[in-house]
């Protein structure tokens, strides 16, 4: 079983070395869905891990209302997704399997822990 935790955050960025409007600073309301492996055991109520605890832990890895260029030299959606996934793995461990990151309704990326650059 896999838990899905959907979150959103607001952050700005600009894309250095990009030829287009996105080379100028702009912002997005990013939407992230994290995929977390459920533990094999559940408590007496049937819960393996409380969604509330997962949500709180994952919210802590999001750069809400920040300039992404302060964290990443190349703050594209692809690089941001890998960075966020790496932060989630540091926070929650190997139970984090992957994530989807959407910068707009029609544009997003998906990354899995085996793809995160070390």
Protein backbone atom coordinates (compact mmCIF):
# COMPACT_ATOMS: atom_id res chain seq x y z
CA UNK A 1 0.00 0.00 0.00
CA UNK A 2 1.20 3.52 -0.79
CA UNK A 3 0.12 6.71 0.92
CA UNK A 4 -0.37 9.81 -1.22
CA UNK A 5 0.08 13.21 0.40
CA UNK A 6 -0.89 16.18 -1.78
CA UNK A 7 0.44 19.62 -0.78
CA UNK A 8 0.86 23.02 -2.37
CA UNK A 9 3.27 25.88 -1.85
CA UNK A 10 4.01 29.24 -3.42
CA UNK A 11 7.53 29.99 -4.60
CA UNK A 12 9.27 32.18 -7.15
CA UNK A 13 12.17 31.42 -9.47
CA UNK A 14 13.92 32.52 -12.61
CA UNK A 15 15.71 30.28 -15.07
CA UNK A 16 19.29 31.34 -15.81
CA UNK A 17 20.55 30.48 -19.29
CA UNK A 18 16.99 30.16 -20.58
CA UNK A 19 15.86 32.02 -23.68
CA UNK A 20 12.28 33.02 -22.94
CA UNK A 21 9.99 34.77 -20.49
CA UNK A 22 10.90 32.38 -17.67
CA UNK A 23 14.40 33.88 -17.48
CA UNK A 24 12.72 36.70 -15.52
CA UNK A 25 11.58 36.16 -11.95
CA UNK A 26 8.06 34.77 -11.69
CA UNK A 27 6.08 32.63 -9.29
CA UNK A 28 3.96 29.52 -9.21
CA UNK A 29 1.60 27.82 -6.88
CA UNK A 30 3.37 24.48 -7.01
CA UNK A 31 1.46 21.28 -6.27
CA UNK A 32 3.33 18.27 -4.96
CA UNK A 33 2.15 14.73 -4.35
CA UNK A 34 4.47 12.53 -2.32
CA UNK A 35 4.22 8.73 -2.45
CA UNK A 36 5.13 7.04 0.83
CA UNK A 37 5.19 3.29 1.49
CA UNK A 38 2.78 2.22 4.18
CA UNK A 39 4.16 0.06 6.99
CA UNK A 40 3.08 -3.55 7.05
CA UNK A 41 1.59 -3.26 10.53
CA UNK A 42 -1.43 -1.21 11.51
CA UNK A 43 -2.62 -0.17 14.94
CA UNK A 44 -5.87 -1.30 16.57
CA UNK A 45 -7.82 1.31 14.60
CA UNK A 46 -6.40 0.01 11.30
CA UNK A 47 -4.03 2.96 10.75
CA UNK A 48 -0.43 2.32 9.70
CA UNK A 49 0.75 5.93 9.73
CA UNK A 50 -1.38 8.94 10.55
CA UNK A 51 -1.91 11.16 7.47
CA UNK A 52 -1.69 14.19 9.74
CA UNK A 53 1.87 13.26 10.81
CA UNK A 54 2.98 12.57 7.22
CA UNK A 55 1.52 15.88 6.04
CA UNK A 56 3.27 17.85 8.79
CA UNK A 57 6.64 16.21 8.08
CA UNK A 58 6.37 16.80 4.33
CA UNK A 59 5.21 20.41 4.73
CA UNK A 60 8.52 21.04 6.49
CA UNK A 61 10.52 20.19 3.35
CA UNK A 62 8.65 22.67 1.12
CA UNK A 63 10.19 26.10 0.41
CA UNK A 64 6.93 28.04 0.82
CA UNK A 65 7.12 31.74 -0.13
CA UNK A 66 10.80 31.51 -0.98
CA UNK A 67 12.98 32.26 -3.99
CA UNK A 68 14.01 28.85 -5.32
CA UNK A 69 17.22 30.28 -6.79
CA UNK A 70 18.43 30.72 -3.19
CA UNK A 71 18.43 26.91 -2.92
CA UNK A 72 19.13 25.68 -6.45
CA UNK A 73 21.46 26.93 -9.15
CA UNK A 74 19.07 25.53 -11.77
CA UNK A 75 15.55 25.82 -10.31
CA UNK A 76 13.69 24.09 -13.15
CA UNK A 77 10.73 21.87 -12.26
CA UNK A 78 12.94 18.82 -12.88
CA UNK A 79 15.71 19.98 -10.54
CA UNK A 80 13.22 21.19 -7.93
CA UNK A 81 11.43 17.82 -7.88
CA UNK A 82 14.70 15.94 -7.32
CA UNK A 83 15.73 18.36 -4.58
CA UNK A 84 12.36 18.13 -2.80
CA UNK A 85 12.35 14.36 -3.01
CA UNK A 86 15.85 14.24 -1.54
CA UNK A 87 14.72 16.46 1.34
CA UNK A 88 11.68 14.24 1.92
CA UNK A 89 13.88 11.13 2.06
CA UNK A 90 16.17 12.84 4.58
CA UNK A 91 13.11 13.78 6.68
CA UNK A 92 11.13 10.50 6.45
CA UNK A 93 13.63 7.89 5.31
CA UNK A 94 13.43 5.18 2.69
CA UNK A 95 9.66 4.90 2.96
CA UNK A 96 9.43 7.88 0.56
CA UNK A 97 9.07 6.33 -2.89
CA UNK A 98 8.67 9.31 -5.21
CA UNK A 99 6.71 12.41 -6.02
CA UNK A 100 4.86 14.41 -8.66
CA UNK A 101 5.46 18.15 -8.95
CA UNK A 102 3.19 20.45 -10.96
CA UNK A 103 4.13 24.05 -11.75
CA UNK A 104 0.80 24.65 -13.55
CA UNK A 105 -2.35 22.72 -14.39
CA UNK A 106 -0.84 21.20 -17.50
CA UNK A 107 2.89 20.96 -16.74
CA UNK A 108 4.52 18.70 -14.20
CA UNK A 109 7.19 16.09 -13.57
CA UNK A 110 7.43 12.81 -11.72
CA UNK A 111 10.55 11.51 -9.98
CA UNK A 112 11.29 8.35 -8.01
CA UNK A 113 13.92 7.79 -5.33
CA UNK A 114 16.13 5.72 -7.66
CA UNK A 115 16.42 8.77 -9.93
CA UNK A 116 17.54 11.29 -7.29
CA UNK A 117 21.05 12.57 -7.93
CA UNK A 118 23.37 11.97 -5.02
